[in-house]
Amino acid sequence: MSAPEECSITRNRSGTEEGKGTGVGLYMARSIVHRNMRGKLSVANVAEGAGFKIVIQGAAA
């Protein structure tokens, strides 16, 4: 998945173009990880569908 596609998926809260969902879940997940946990959520196409990776930095010792 290209960076523009990933950006569009994780920042669009207006809904999905296909499927039964509203499309808000991924936007909300990204918002929580980014704003509350100061982390990063990334999305990639995989053979089985979609893969998600969350990276959260540990606290300084």
Protein backbone atom coordinates (compact mmCIF):
# COMPACT_ATOMS: atom_id res chain seq x y z
CA MET A 1 0.00 0.00 0.00
CA SER A 2 1.37 3.37 -0.93
CA ALA A 3 1.84 6.14 1.63
CA PRO A 4 -0.98 8.26 0.11
CA GLU A 5 -3.39 5.29 0.27
CA GLU A 6 -2.43 4.57 3.89
CA CYS A 7 -2.81 8.23 4.80
CA SER A 8 -6.23 8.37 3.16
CA ILE A 9 -7.48 5.26 4.96
CA THR A 10 -6.32 6.22 8.43
CA ARG A 11 -7.36 9.87 8.22
CA ASN A 12 -10.74 9.55 6.48
CA ARG A 13 -13.64 9.54 8.90
CA SER A 14 -16.39 9.96 6.33
CA GLY A 15 -16.93 6.24 5.74
CA THR A 16 -15.93 3.37 3.50
CA GLU A 17 -16.62 2.86 -0.17
CA GLU A 18 -17.32 -0.84 0.23
CA GLY A 19 -18.36 -3.26 2.93
CA LYS A 20 -20.93 -2.91 5.67
CA GLY A 21 -19.02 -0.76 8.16
CA THR A 22 -19.01 2.98 8.61
CA GLY A 23 -15.23 3.30 8.22
CA VAL A 24 -14.87 5.21 11.48
CA GLY A 25 -13.08 2.44 13.40
CA LEU A 26 -9.70 2.72 11.71
CA TYR A 27 -9.77 6.50 11.95
CA MET A 28 -10.60 6.26 15.68
CA ALA A 29 -7.86 3.67 16.27
CA ARG A 30 -5.29 5.90 14.57
CA SER A 31 -6.45 8.91 16.57
CA ILE A 32 -6.18 7.05 19.89
CA VAL A 33 -2.74 5.61 19.12
CA HIS A 34 -1.38 8.91 17.77
CA ARG A 35 -2.86 11.42 20.22
CA ASN A 36 -3.22 9.47 23.46
CA MET A 37 -0.30 7.04 23.21
CA ARG A 38 2.02 9.12 21.02
CA GLY A 39 2.48 6.13 18.77
CA LYS A 40 2.03 5.26 15.13
CA LEU A 41 -0.51 3.01 13.40
CA SER A 42 0.37 1.68 9.96
CA VAL A 43 -1.67 -0.41 7.54
CA ALA A 44 -0.53 -2.72 4.75
CA ASN A 45 -2.18 -5.05 2.26
CA VAL A 46 -1.35 -8.69 2.98
CA ALA A 47 -2.47 -11.90 1.29
CA GLU A 48 -5.16 -12.52 3.92
CA GLY A 49 -6.59 -8.97 3.81
CA ALA A 50 -5.02 -6.17 5.83
CA GLY A 51 -2.15 -6.02 8.31
CA PHE A 52 -1.89 -3.48 11.10
CA LYS A 53 1.17 -2.41 13.08
CA ILE A 54 1.14 -0.22 16.19
CA VAL A 55 4.41 1.25 17.46
CA ILE A 56 4.45 2.92 20.88
CA GLN A 57 7.65 4.32 22.34
CA GLY A 58 8.53 3.32 25.88
CA ALA A 59 8.86 5.86 28.67
CA ALA A 60 12.31 7.27 29.40
CA ALA A 61 14.00 5.61 32.36
